[in-house]
Amino acid sequence: MTPGVDPVARFLRMVSGPEPELDRAACAIAVGMGREDRTARVTAALDDLADGVTGPESLLHRLFIDAGFVGNVTDRADPRNSFLPDVLERRTGIPITLAVVTIEVGRRAGVPLEGVGMPGHFLVRLPGTQRYLDVFDRGRRLDPAGCERLFRATTGAGPEVPFDSGMLPRVSTRQILARILDNLRVVHARSRDHAGLERVLRMRLGLRHRGPDLIRELGSVLAAQARWDEAARLLETWADGPGRGSRSGAETLDEVRTEARRHRAHLN
């Protein structure tokens, strides 16, 4: 990383243009969260894993038999599960980051794969097929019926909740990055790590988010650090932004402005 460059700003620049490179953007999340920049090591490790892979079965054997990647079933809340460099070094992670490893090794080996944002559990799919992989479970193969069973097991959804192909959407690189950040958001909110949550929210807001929820959460996080003026200005800027009234209801805008005034009251 270039000396003096804010790591969160670096991530925001990376995702502001065309679709970013998945491996480098995932590394930039880790750097944005205060981790050492290990992008070069990650690239080399992914290259090594791809060496000699000849197809989907060869890829699965390399990752889940030879390299021994597994889902972290004992501590899914460990933030290292969301950092690609740590996942590669520890050979364990959560579905979304193990999917990043699988997709990126496949890309290098000429094995195209796509991420599938099933609610409750991220999957990988061979494009143009109904062949799904649960990379959290050593690359277990799934058909659509197997995906439905996994969906109901992970979410607790009963038979009254319909399940169809719309539950298995292909996701973009930005959507993958957003899901990684959403996992980190939950982890840091639970631990009340305000500084860490602030970094997560700033990166998450850079992924073309328009609604008020994350802005309001960031305002609360700033206020929790006694940065009331900064929190108020953030909310006021959002509420008075161009065209905001046409995209958000008047009640929502009033609530955001009320929160801003409440933050400013601490300055009196």
Protein backbone atom coordinates (compact mmCIF):
# COMPACT_ATOMS: atom_id res chain seq x y z
CA MET A 1 0.00 0.00 0.00
CA THR A 2 1.26 3.48 -0.84
CA PRO A 3 2.46 5.27 2.33
CA GLY A 4 0.03 7.90 3.53
CA VAL A 5 -2.97 6.51 1.62
CA ASP A 6 -6.01 5.91 3.82
CA PRO A 7 -6.85 2.20 3.40
CA VAL A 8 -10.61 2.76 3.42
CA ALA A 9 -10.24 5.44 0.75
CA ARG A 10 -8.11 3.02 -1.24
CA PHE A 11 -10.93 0.46 -1.19
CA LEU A 12 -13.48 3.10 -2.15
CA ARG A 13 -11.42 4.13 -5.17
CA MET A 14 -11.03 0.50 -6.18
CA VAL A 15 -14.81 -0.06 -6.29
CA SER A 16 -15.79 3.32 -7.77
CA GLY A 17 -15.15 2.40 -11.40
CA PRO A 18 -15.73 -0.75 -13.43
CA GLU A 19 -16.21 -4.10 -11.70
CA PRO A 20 -13.06 -4.57 -9.56
CA GLU A 21 -10.84 -7.64 -9.47
CA LEU A 22 -12.33 -9.92 -6.83
CA ASP A 23 -9.10 -11.13 -5.22
CA ARG A 24 -7.55 -7.67 -4.93
CA ALA A 25 -10.74 -6.05 -3.69
CA ALA A 26 -11.17 -8.77 -1.05
CA CYS A 27 -7.60 -8.09 0.10
CA ALA A 28 -8.40 -4.37 0.19
CA ILE A 29 -11.20 -5.07 2.68
CA ALA A 30 -8.69 -6.69 5.02
CA VAL A 31 -6.33 -3.71 4.63
CA GLY A 32 -9.24 -1.33 5.20
CA MET A 33 -9.86 -3.10 8.50
CA GLY A 34 -6.32 -2.43 9.64
CA ARG A 35 -4.65 -5.65 8.54
CA GLU A 36 -1.24 -5.86 6.90
CA ASP A 37 -1.30 -5.61 3.09
CA ARG A 38 -0.68 -9.18 1.92
CA THR A 39 -2.03 -8.82 -1.61
CA ALA A 40 1.18 -10.07 -3.22
CA ARG A 41 1.23 -13.16 -1.00
CA VAL A 42 -2.44 -13.84 -1.71
CA THR A 43 -1.88 -13.61 -5.45
CA ALA A 44 1.06 -16.01 -5.25
CA ALA A 45 -0.89 -18.45 -3.07
CA LEU A 46 -3.85 -18.48 -5.46
CA ASP A 47 -1.48 -19.01 -8.39
CA ASP A 48 0.12 -21.97 -6.61
CA LEU A 49 -3.25 -23.54 -5.83
CA ALA A 50 -4.31 -23.24 -9.48
CA ASP A 51 -1.13 -24.83 -10.83
CA GLY A 52 -1.99 -28.18 -12.42
CA VAL A 53 -5.78 -27.88 -11.97
CA THR A 54 -7.45 -29.26 -15.11
CA GLY A 55 -11.19 -29.04 -14.45
CA PRO A 56 -13.93 -28.77 -11.81
CA GLU A 57 -13.20 -32.10 -10.13
CA SER A 58 -9.48 -31.43 -10.15
CA LEU A 59 -10.16 -28.02 -8.59
CA LEU A 60 -12.24 -29.49 -5.79
CA HIS A 61 -9.62 -32.14 -5.09
CA ARG A 62 -6.88 -29.51 -4.94
CA LEU A 63 -8.73 -27.25 -2.53
CA PHE A 64 -10.58 -29.63 -0.25
CA ILE A 65 -8.39 -32.74 -0.30
CA ASP A 66 -4.82 -31.62 -1.05
CA ALA A 67 -4.97 -28.16 0.58
CA GLY A 68 -7.56 -29.13 3.22
CA PHE A 69 -9.80 -26.07 3.13
CA VAL A 70 -12.75 -26.40 5.54
CA GLY A 71 -15.57 -24.31 6.86
CA ASN A 72 -14.97 -22.77 10.28
CA VAL A 73 -17.83 -24.47 12.10
CA THR A 74 -16.47 -23.72 15.58
CA ASP A 75 -16.19 -19.91 15.39
CA ARG A 76 -18.02 -18.36 12.46
CA ALA A 77 -17.89 -14.97 14.23
CA ASP A 78 -14.08 -14.79 14.07
CA PRO A 79 -13.40 -11.71 11.88
CA ARG A 80 -10.46 -13.54 10.28
CA ASN A 81 -13.03 -15.65 8.46
CA SER A 82 -13.82 -12.57 6.36
CA PHE A 83 -10.21 -11.69 5.50
CA LEU A 84 -9.00 -13.45 2.35
CA PRO A 85 -5.31 -13.50 3.40
CA ASP A 86 -6.20 -15.19 6.70
CA VAL A 87 -8.51 -17.68 5.00
CA LEU A 88 -5.69 -18.73 2.69
CA GLU A 89 -3.17 -19.04 5.52
CA ARG A 90 -5.49 -20.81 7.98
CA ARG A 91 -7.29 -22.92 5.36
CA THR A 92 -10.64 -22.11 6.97
CA GLY A 93 -13.35 -19.53 6.52
CA ILE A 94 -17.05 -18.89 6.00
CA PRO A 95 -19.03 -19.70 2.83
CA ILE A 96 -18.47 -16.33 1.16
CA THR A 97 -14.68 -16.21 1.56
CA LEU A 98 -14.20 -19.89 0.72
CA ALA A 99 -16.22 -19.12 -2.41
CA VAL A 100 -13.81 -16.29 -3.25
CA VAL A 101 -10.90 -18.72 -2.98
CA THR A 102 -12.68 -21.28 -5.17
CA ILE A 103 -13.73 -18.76 -7.82
CA GLU A 104 -10.28 -17.15 -8.00
CA VAL A 105 -8.40 -20.46 -8.19
CA GLY A 106 -10.87 -21.59 -10.85
CA ARG A 107 -10.36 -18.39 -12.83
CA ARG A 108 -6.62 -18.89 -12.88
CA ALA A 109 -7.02 -22.52 -13.96
CA GLY A 110 -9.54 -21.79 -16.70
CA VAL A 111 -12.46 -23.24 -14.72
CA PRO A 112 -15.22 -20.60 -14.79
CA LEU A 113 -17.38 -20.41 -11.67
CA GLU A 114 -19.92 -17.93 -10.35
CA GLY A 115 -21.08 -16.92 -6.92
CA VAL A 116 -24.67 -17.67 -5.94
CA GLY A 117 -26.25 -15.50 -3.25
CA MET A 118 -28.70 -17.96 -1.74
CA PRO A 119 -30.23 -16.48 1.42
CA GLY A 120 -28.52 -17.84 4.51
CA HIS A 121 -25.68 -19.65 2.74
CA PHE A 122 -23.43 -18.60 -0.13
CA LEU A 123 -22.84 -21.16 -2.91
CA VAL A 124 -20.77 -21.57 -6.08
CA ARG A 125 -22.17 -22.72 -9.42
CA LEU A 126 -20.78 -23.93 -12.72
CA PRO A 127 -22.20 -21.36 -15.18
CA GLY A 128 -25.03 -22.54 -17.38
CA THR A 129 -25.74 -25.58 -15.21
CA GLN A 130 -27.69 -26.56 -12.13
CA ARG A 131 -24.55 -27.92 -10.50
CA TYR A 132 -23.92 -26.16 -7.20
CA LEU A 133 -21.06 -26.44 -4.73
CA ASP A 134 -21.19 -25.93 -0.98
CA VAL A 135 -17.60 -24.85 -0.42
CA PHE A 136 -18.23 -24.51 3.32
CA ASP A 137 -18.69 -28.29 3.33
CA ARG A 138 -15.56 -29.32 1.37
CA GLY A 139 -17.13 -28.61 -2.03
CA ARG A 140 -20.17 -30.84 -1.53
CA ARG A 141 -22.14 -31.14 -4.77
CA LEU A 142 -25.76 -30.00 -4.73
CA ASP A 143 -28.66 -30.05 -7.16
CA PRO A 144 -31.55 -27.55 -6.80
CA ALA A 145 -33.37 -29.87 -4.38
CA GLY A 146 -30.24 -30.08 -2.25
CA CYS A 147 -29.99 -26.30 -2.30
CA GLU A 148 -33.54 -26.05 -1.01
CA ARG A 149 -32.82 -28.46 1.84
CA LEU A 150 -29.73 -26.44 2.77
CA PHE A 151 -31.70 -23.19 2.59
CA ARG A 152 -34.35 -24.49 4.98
CA ALA A 153 -31.76 -25.96 7.33
CA THR A 154 -29.73 -22.74 7.56
CA THR A 155 -32.61 -20.25 7.71
CA GLY A 156 -35.22 -22.29 9.55
CA ALA A 157 -37.74 -21.51 6.80
CA GLY A 158 -40.73 -23.83 6.78
CA PRO A 159 -42.62 -25.30 3.83
CA GLU A 160 -44.83 -22.21 3.65
CA VAL A 161 -41.82 -20.25 2.36
CA PRO A 162 -41.51 -20.84 -1.41
CA PHE A 163 -38.17 -21.78 -2.90
CA ASP A 164 -37.42 -21.33 -6.60
CA SER A 165 -34.65 -20.32 -8.96
CA GLY A 166 -34.97 -16.73 -7.74
CA MET A 167 -33.39 -17.90 -4.48
CA LEU A 168 -30.25 -18.87 -6.41
CA PRO A 169 -29.18 -15.65 -8.14
CA ARG A 170 -25.80 -15.13 -9.75
CA VAL A 171 -24.10 -12.24 -7.94
CA SER A 172 -21.61 -9.63 -9.09
CA THR A 173 -18.20 -8.93 -7.61
CA ARG A 174 -19.60 -5.89 -5.81
CA GLN A 175 -22.36 -7.99 -4.29
CA ILE A 176 -19.79 -10.50 -3.04
CA LEU A 177 -17.79 -7.69 -1.45
CA ALA A 178 -20.97 -6.29 0.11
CA ARG A 179 -21.77 -9.67 1.63
CA ILE A 180 -18.27 -9.94 3.12
CA LEU A 181 -18.67 -6.49 4.63
CA ASP A 182 -22.14 -7.29 5.93
CA ASN A 183 -20.66 -10.26 7.80
CA LEU A 184 -18.00 -8.01 9.32
CA ARG A 185 -20.68 -5.47 10.16
CA VAL A 186 -22.51 -8.05 12.28
CA VAL A 187 -19.28 -9.17 13.98
CA HIS A 188 -18.17 -5.66 14.96
CA ALA A 189 -21.66 -4.56 16.00
CA ARG A 190 -21.92 -7.51 18.38
CA SER A 191 -18.52 -6.79 19.90
CA ARG A 192 -19.30 -3.04 20.13
CA ASP A 193 -16.08 -2.25 18.29
CA HIS A 194 -17.10 1.23 17.15
CA ALA A 195 -13.86 2.02 15.32
CA GLY A 196 -13.97 -1.27 13.42
CA LEU A 197 -17.65 -0.88 12.61
CA GLU A 198 -17.02 2.63 11.31
CA ARG A 199 -14.46 1.28 8.82
CA VAL A 200 -16.85 -1.48 7.73
CA LEU A 201 -19.72 0.95 7.19
CA ARG A 202 -17.62 3.42 5.23
CA MET A 203 -16.53 0.66 2.85
CA ARG A 204 -20.04 -0.77 2.63
CA LEU A 205 -21.47 2.64 1.75
CA GLY A 206 -19.05 2.83 -1.18
CA LEU A 207 -20.76 -0.08 -2.89
CA ARG A 208 -23.50 2.08 -4.44
CA HIS A 209 -25.79 2.00 -1.43
CA ARG A 210 -28.56 4.61 -1.51
CA GLY A 211 -30.87 3.87 1.43
CA PRO A 212 -30.76 5.53 4.86
CA ASP A 213 -30.14 2.50 7.08
CA LEU A 214 -26.35 2.35 6.79
CA ILE A 215 -26.01 6.14 6.94
CA ARG A 216 -28.02 6.22 10.16
CA GLU A 217 -25.99 3.37 11.60
CA LEU A 218 -22.75 5.18 10.75
CA GLY A 219 -24.12 8.32 12.39
CA SER A 220 -24.82 6.34 15.56
CA VAL A 221 -21.32 4.85 15.49
CA LEU A 222 -19.74 8.30 15.17
CA ALA A 223 -21.89 9.58 18.02
CA ALA A 224 -20.82 6.63 20.18
CA GLN A 225 -17.27 7.94 19.75
CA ALA A 226 -18.39 11.44 20.87
CA ARG A 227 -18.02 12.72 17.29
CA TRP A 228 -21.44 14.38 17.40
CA ASP A 229 -20.77 17.20 14.96
CA GLU A 230 -19.41 14.74 12.39
CA ALA A 231 -22.44 12.49 12.90
CA ALA A 232 -24.86 15.40 12.46
CA ARG A 233 -23.13 16.65 9.31
CA LEU A 234 -23.17 13.15 7.81
CA LEU A 235 -26.94 12.81 8.31
CA GLU A 236 -27.70 16.36 7.15
CA THR A 237 -25.63 15.91 4.00
CA TRP A 238 -27.45 12.70 3.19
CA ALA A 239 -30.93 14.12 3.90
CA ASP A 240 -30.31 17.24 1.81
CA GLY A 241 -28.58 15.43 -1.07
CA PRO A 242 -29.69 16.00 -4.69
CA GLY A 243 -32.98 14.28 -5.44
CA ARG A 244 -33.18 12.74 -1.98
CA GLY A 245 -36.80 13.76 -1.52
CA SER A 246 -37.84 11.91 -4.68
CA ARG A 247 -36.17 8.67 -3.53
CA SER A 248 -36.99 8.69 0.20
CA GLY A 249 -40.26 9.36 1.94
CA ALA A 250 -40.82 12.60 3.83
CA GLU A 251 -41.18 10.67 7.09
CA THR A 252 -37.77 9.04 6.65
CA LEU A 253 -36.11 12.37 5.85
CA ASP A 254 -37.69 13.94 8.94
CA GLU A 255 -36.40 11.07 11.09
CA VAL A 256 -32.86 11.49 9.74
CA ARG A 257 -32.92 15.26 10.35
CA THR A 258 -34.26 14.68 13.87
CA GLU A 259 -31.36 12.33 14.58
CA ALA A 260 -28.96 14.99 13.30
CA ARG A 261 -30.45 17.57 15.66
CA ARG A 262 -30.19 15.12 18.54
CA HIS A 263 -26.48 14.65 17.83
CA ARG A 264 -25.97 18.42 17.66
CA ALA A 265 -27.65 18.83 21.04
CA HIS A 266 -24.62 17.18 22.64
CA LEU A 267 -22.51 20.14 21.49
CA ASN A 268 -24.48 22.73 23.51
